[in-house]
Amino acid sequence: MARLPEAASSVVEIAKYEAGKGMETLKGRTALVTGASRGLGAAIALELGARGAKVAVNYFTRQDRAEQLCERIRRQGGEASAFYADVRLETDVERLIQAIDERYQQTDIAVINATGPQPFLTIEEQTWERYLDQLEFFVKSPLLILQQVVAGMKSRGFGRIIQIGSEVFELGNPMFAHYVAAKAAQLGQTRSWARELGANGITVNLVAPGWIQTERHLHSTQAEMDAYTDKVPMKHMGTAEDVANTVAFLASDAARFITGQKISVNGGNTVE
């Protein structure tokens, strides 16, 4: 841990100290990020690695991109390895956590980020199977992962579960009820877990991004983006790095007394 110089008389010296301290906040921790080969997951993995965590980069289809991300983390001085798993399947999740344990001994931080297709569907087009598709990513997968890591977290008296939610729960986007309902369930799950695990030193929080421009939105038009940002008080979209910084804070010791919360990263598009 960086030590504040006794004669830290300038703003520059203090800023350097704070920057150094921030980069060390996750040293000695191991972080799993699901769905980390691209988009928000990749940005989160990079930030956690930059702050000293050993990063388990989970991927489903793009091993090449996961390996490239691990190399980027290593180039910036971090440690990372890629791990395959379909996080909707119990056997895959069991093997995933076992592999991480073999490589890094434990999982201290679990960032639940993996997602799948998110089609817009009218009420007439929606089916229960479409709802289940979303629930498998946002309710089943978090449960499977927590069940595999919670015993170790309890034994160490430390754990960070960070779910990646969405502002759609507040906005209630039309033609998106299957996704919105799953995200609502994910938030309820987060709050219940936080109350159950708080006494064990385990925090459980949810980060709810707004519309963050990633590869998923490559085909969005400028008119669509303008219509969105016109409603955002800060009048612009956020970046994947904005989300990653929030996740890194919640993963750190600085957030040890924050649990059961939904933190919106959307420029004030929703105000609670």
Protein backbone atom coordinates (compact mmCIF):
# COMPACT_ATOMS: atom_id res chain seq x y z
CA MET A 1 0.00 0.00 0.00
CA ALA A 2 1.34 3.40 -0.96
CA ARG A 3 2.24 5.66 1.96
CA LEU A 4 1.28 9.32 1.97
CA PRO A 5 4.49 11.38 2.12
CA GLU A 6 4.89 13.19 5.43
CA ALA A 7 5.46 16.43 3.57
CA ALA A 8 2.68 16.02 1.03
CA SER A 9 2.24 19.75 0.74
CA SER A 10 1.05 19.97 -2.84
CA VAL A 11 -2.07 18.89 -4.67
CA VAL A 12 0.14 17.06 -7.15
CA GLU A 13 1.75 14.92 -4.43
CA ILE A 14 -1.63 14.03 -2.96
CA ALA A 15 -3.03 13.22 -6.40
CA LYS A 16 -0.08 10.91 -7.09
CA TYR A 17 -0.64 9.18 -3.77
CA GLU A 18 -4.33 8.69 -4.42
CA ALA A 19 -3.65 7.35 -7.91
CA GLY A 20 -1.11 4.87 -6.60
CA LYS A 21 -3.39 3.81 -3.78
CA GLY A 22 -6.26 3.27 -6.21
CA MET A 23 -4.19 1.00 -8.42
CA GLU A 24 -3.42 -1.23 -5.44
CA THR A 25 -6.90 -1.58 -4.01
CA LEU A 26 -7.53 -5.02 -5.55
CA LYS A 27 -4.08 -6.58 -5.13
CA GLY A 28 -4.31 -10.08 -3.73
CA ARG A 29 -7.88 -10.51 -5.00
CA THR A 30 -9.14 -12.77 -7.78
CA ALA A 31 -12.02 -11.51 -9.90
CA LEU A 32 -14.26 -13.50 -12.23
CA VAL A 33 -15.98 -11.52 -14.99
CA THR A 34 -18.57 -13.48 -16.98
CA GLY A 35 -19.12 -12.63 -20.62
CA ALA A 36 -15.83 -10.75 -20.65
CA SER A 37 -14.58 -11.23 -24.20
CA ARG A 38 -16.11 -7.97 -25.45
CA GLY A 39 -18.15 -4.89 -24.57
CA LEU A 40 -18.78 -4.00 -20.95
CA GLY A 41 -17.26 -7.26 -19.73
CA ALA A 42 -13.95 -6.57 -21.46
CA ALA A 43 -13.79 -3.02 -20.08
CA ILE A 44 -14.54 -4.29 -16.57
CA ALA A 45 -11.89 -7.00 -16.80
CA LEU A 46 -9.30 -4.47 -17.99
CA GLU A 47 -10.06 -2.10 -15.13
CA LEU A 48 -9.98 -4.79 -12.46
CA GLY A 49 -6.67 -6.01 -13.85
CA ALA A 50 -5.27 -2.48 -13.85
CA ARG A 51 -6.14 -2.20 -10.17
CA GLY A 52 -4.21 -5.30 -9.26
CA ALA A 53 -6.76 -8.12 -9.36
CA LYS A 54 -6.01 -11.46 -10.97
CA VAL A 55 -8.75 -11.68 -13.59
CA ALA A 56 -10.60 -14.79 -14.73
CA VAL A 57 -11.94 -13.84 -18.16
CA ASN A 58 -14.98 -15.97 -18.94
CA TYR A 59 -16.00 -16.50 -22.57
CA PHE A 60 -18.56 -18.64 -24.38
CA THR A 61 -17.87 -18.42 -28.14
CA ARG A 62 -14.84 -16.18 -28.73
CA GLN A 63 -11.78 -17.76 -27.17
CA ASP A 64 -9.56 -15.71 -29.46
CA ARG A 65 -10.95 -12.45 -28.14
CA ALA A 66 -10.74 -13.64 -24.54
CA GLU A 67 -7.07 -14.55 -25.02
CA GLN A 68 -6.38 -11.18 -26.65
CA LEU A 69 -7.99 -9.44 -23.69
CA CYS A 70 -5.84 -11.43 -21.26
CA GLU A 71 -2.76 -10.36 -23.20
CA ARG A 72 -3.84 -6.70 -22.93
CA ILE A 73 -4.23 -7.09 -19.17
CA ARG A 74 -0.77 -8.66 -18.94
CA ARG A 75 0.77 -5.87 -21.02
CA GLN A 76 -0.54 -3.31 -18.53
CA GLY A 77 1.13 -5.26 -15.71
CA GLY A 78 -1.79 -7.41 -14.61
CA GLU A 79 -2.51 -11.12 -14.46
CA ALA A 80 -5.34 -12.82 -16.36
CA SER A 81 -6.44 -16.14 -17.82
CA ALA A 82 -9.31 -17.11 -20.11
CA PHE A 83 -11.90 -19.69 -18.99
CA TYR A 84 -14.65 -21.22 -21.13
CA ALA A 85 -18.14 -21.75 -19.69
CA ASP A 86 -21.77 -21.48 -20.65
CA VAL A 87 -22.78 -19.80 -17.41
CA ARG A 88 -26.37 -20.97 -17.83
CA LEU A 89 -25.33 -24.59 -17.25
CA GLU A 90 -24.67 -25.95 -13.78
CA THR A 91 -21.95 -28.38 -14.88
CA ASP A 92 -20.12 -25.65 -16.81
CA VAL A 93 -20.20 -23.29 -13.85
CA GLU A 94 -18.88 -26.01 -11.53
CA ARG A 95 -15.97 -26.66 -13.91
CA LEU A 96 -15.37 -22.93 -14.31
CA ILE A 97 -14.97 -22.27 -10.59
CA GLN A 98 -12.87 -25.39 -10.14
CA ALA A 99 -10.54 -24.24 -12.91
CA ILE A 100 -10.24 -20.78 -11.36
CA ASP A 101 -9.50 -22.32 -7.97
CA GLU A 102 -6.77 -24.48 -9.51
CA ARG A 103 -5.19 -21.44 -11.16
CA TYR A 104 -5.74 -18.74 -8.53
CA GLN A 105 -6.84 -20.68 -5.41
CA GLN A 106 -10.05 -18.68 -4.86
CA THR A 107 -12.65 -16.29 -6.23
CA ASP A 108 -13.04 -13.09 -4.21
CA ILE A 109 -15.03 -10.99 -6.68
CA ALA A 110 -17.71 -12.21 -9.08
CA VAL A 111 -18.97 -9.79 -11.73
CA ILE A 112 -22.13 -11.21 -13.32
CA ASN A 113 -22.16 -9.67 -16.78
CA ALA A 114 -22.88 -12.40 -19.36
CA THR A 115 -25.88 -11.85 -21.58
CA GLY A 116 -27.36 -13.10 -24.83
CA PRO A 117 -29.64 -11.90 -27.65
CA GLN A 118 -32.08 -9.18 -26.62
CA PRO A 119 -34.76 -9.01 -29.33
CA PHE A 120 -37.54 -6.45 -29.33
CA LEU A 121 -40.87 -8.29 -29.39
CA THR A 122 -44.48 -7.16 -29.31
CA ILE A 123 -46.77 -8.68 -26.70
CA GLU A 124 -48.23 -10.88 -29.42
CA GLU A 125 -44.75 -12.14 -30.36
CA GLN A 126 -43.55 -12.83 -26.83
CA THR A 127 -43.61 -16.35 -25.42
CA TRP A 128 -42.75 -17.82 -22.06
CA GLU A 129 -39.67 -19.35 -23.66
CA ARG A 130 -38.49 -15.81 -24.53
CA TYR A 131 -38.84 -14.86 -20.88
CA LEU A 132 -36.91 -17.94 -19.82
CA ASP A 133 -34.11 -17.03 -22.25
CA GLN A 134 -33.54 -13.80 -20.31
CA LEU A 135 -34.10 -15.33 -16.86
CA GLU A 136 -31.40 -17.91 -17.54
CA PHE A 137 -28.82 -15.16 -17.97
CA PHE A 138 -29.98 -12.75 -15.28
CA VAL A 139 -31.36 -14.99 -12.53
CA LYS A 140 -30.22 -18.59 -13.06
CA SER A 141 -26.60 -17.82 -13.98
CA PRO A 142 -26.01 -15.52 -10.97
CA LEU A 143 -27.47 -18.21 -8.68
CA LEU A 144 -25.23 -20.93 -10.12
CA ILE A 145 -22.13 -18.79 -9.74
CA LEU A 146 -22.91 -17.62 -6.22
CA GLN A 147 -23.60 -21.18 -5.07
CA GLN A 148 -20.12 -22.19 -6.24
CA VAL A 149 -18.20 -19.30 -4.64
CA VAL A 150 -20.17 -18.45 -1.51
CA ALA A 151 -18.63 -21.09 0.78
CA GLY A 152 -15.13 -19.79 0.13
CA MET A 153 -16.22 -16.18 0.56
CA LYS A 154 -17.86 -17.03 3.88
CA SER A 155 -14.78 -18.84 5.14
CA ARG A 156 -12.57 -15.83 4.30
CA GLY A 157 -15.07 -13.25 5.56
CA PHE A 158 -14.83 -11.35 2.30
CA GLY A 159 -16.70 -11.37 -0.99
CA ARG A 160 -17.98 -9.07 -3.69
CA ILE A 161 -20.91 -10.02 -5.92
CA ILE A 162 -21.55 -7.36 -8.54
CA GLN A 163 -24.43 -7.82 -10.96
CA ILE A 164 -24.70 -5.85 -14.19
CA GLY A 165 -28.29 -4.73 -14.49
CA SER A 166 -29.95 -2.05 -16.61
CA GLU A 167 -31.91 1.17 -16.41
CA VAL A 168 -34.75 -0.53 -18.30
CA PHE A 169 -36.28 -1.60 -14.99
CA GLU A 170 -37.14 2.05 -14.32
CA LEU A 171 -37.87 3.00 -17.92
CA GLY A 172 -40.09 0.04 -18.79
CA ASN A 173 -39.07 0.00 -22.45
CA PRO A 174 -41.90 -1.10 -24.76
CA MET A 175 -41.57 -4.36 -26.71
CA PHE A 176 -38.98 -5.44 -24.15
CA ALA A 177 -41.03 -6.91 -21.32
CA HIS A 178 -39.18 -10.25 -21.32
CA TYR A 179 -35.85 -8.45 -20.76
CA VAL A 180 -37.25 -5.84 -18.36
CA ALA A 181 -38.91 -8.52 -16.22
CA ALA A 182 -35.66 -10.51 -15.98
CA LYS A 183 -33.71 -7.40 -15.00
CA ALA A 184 -36.30 -6.65 -12.31
CA ALA A 185 -35.92 -10.17 -10.95
CA GLN A 186 -32.14 -9.75 -10.94
CA LEU A 187 -32.45 -6.64 -8.78
CA GLY A 188 -34.72 -8.41 -6.31
CA GLN A 189 -32.27 -11.28 -6.16
CA THR A 190 -29.43 -8.84 -5.46
CA ARG A 191 -31.24 -7.20 -2.56
CA SER A 192 -32.23 -10.48 -0.93
CA TRP A 193 -28.70 -11.87 -1.18
CA ALA A 194 -27.27 -8.68 0.31
CA ARG A 195 -29.39 -9.06 3.44
CA GLU A 196 -28.56 -12.75 3.76
CA LEU A 197 -24.80 -12.40 3.29
CA GLY A 198 -23.99 -9.08 4.91
CA ALA A 199 -22.97 -10.60 8.24
CA ASN A 200 -20.40 -12.75 6.38
CA GLY A 201 -18.50 -9.76 5.00
CA ILE A 202 -19.95 -10.32 1.53
CA THR A 203 -21.48 -7.37 -0.31
CA VAL A 204 -23.93 -7.76 -3.18
CA ASN A 205 -24.70 -4.82 -5.45
CA LEU A 206 -26.02 -4.11 -8.92
CA VAL A 207 -24.65 -1.62 -11.43
CA ALA A 208 -27.35 -0.40 -13.83
CA PRO A 209 -25.89 1.18 -16.99
CA GLY A 210 -27.82 3.31 -19.38
CA TRP A 211 -27.32 2.98 -23.11
CA ILE A 212 -23.57 2.45 -23.40
CA GLN A 213 -22.26 2.29 -26.95
CA THR A 214 -20.63 -1.13 -27.41
CA GLU A 215 -20.37 -3.65 -30.25
CA ARG A 216 -23.92 -4.75 -29.47
CA HIS A 217 -25.15 -1.39 -30.77
CA LEU A 218 -23.06 -1.08 -33.93
CA HIS A 219 -26.17 -0.80 -36.08
CA SER A 220 -27.81 1.97 -34.06
CA THR A 221 -28.48 5.11 -36.05
CA GLN A 222 -27.36 8.59 -35.05
CA ALA A 223 -31.01 9.62 -34.87
CA GLU A 224 -31.70 6.86 -32.33
CA MET A 225 -28.71 7.88 -30.23
CA ASP A 226 -29.69 11.55 -30.39
CA ALA A 227 -33.23 10.76 -29.30
CA TYR A 228 -31.82 8.95 -26.26
CA THR A 229 -29.26 11.55 -25.24
CA ASP A 230 -31.82 14.36 -25.59
CA LYS A 231 -33.53 12.88 -22.50
CA VAL A 232 -30.30 12.42 -20.52
CA PRO A 233 -29.54 15.35 -18.19
CA MET A 234 -25.82 15.19 -19.04
CA LYS A 235 -26.70 15.18 -22.77
CA HIS A 236 -24.30 12.44 -23.82
CA MET A 237 -23.84 8.70 -23.56
CA GLY A 238 -21.52 7.11 -21.08
CA THR A 239 -18.64 4.82 -21.90
CA ALA A 240 -17.81 1.25 -20.97
CA GLU A 241 -15.04 2.71 -18.80
CA ASP A 242 -17.64 4.61 -16.74
CA VAL A 243 -19.28 1.30 -15.90
CA ALA A 244 -15.94 -0.41 -15.28
CA ASN A 245 -14.85 2.28 -12.82
CA THR A 246 -18.07 1.87 -10.84
CA VAL A 247 -17.63 -1.91 -10.71
CA ALA A 248 -14.00 -1.51 -9.58
CA PHE A 249 -15.07 0.80 -6.77
CA LEU A 250 -17.70 -1.67 -5.54
CA ALA A 251 -15.10 -4.44 -5.67
CA SER A 252 -12.68 -2.51 -3.48
CA ASP A 253 -12.34 -2.15 0.28
CA ALA A 254 -13.55 1.44 -0.10
CA ALA A 255 -17.06 0.05 -0.73
CA ARG A 256 -17.06 -2.34 2.23
CA PHE A 257 -20.17 -0.72 3.79
CA ILE A 258 -22.23 -0.59 0.57
CA THR A 259 -24.53 -3.54 -0.10
CA GLY A 260 -27.95 -4.24 -1.54
CA GLN A 261 -27.74 -1.17 -3.76
CA LYS A 262 -28.49 -0.42 -7.39
CA ILE A 263 -26.09 2.19 -8.74
CA SER A 264 -27.20 3.77 -12.02
CA VAL A 265 -24.50 4.79 -14.48
CA ASN A 266 -26.60 6.71 -16.96
CA GLY A 267 -25.95 10.45 -16.67
CA GLY A 268 -29.08 10.97 -14.56
CA ASN A 269 -31.48 9.37 -17.06
CA THR A 270 -33.22 7.78 -14.07
CA VAL A 271 -33.39 9.48 -10.68
CA GLU A 272 -34.56 7.54 -7.64
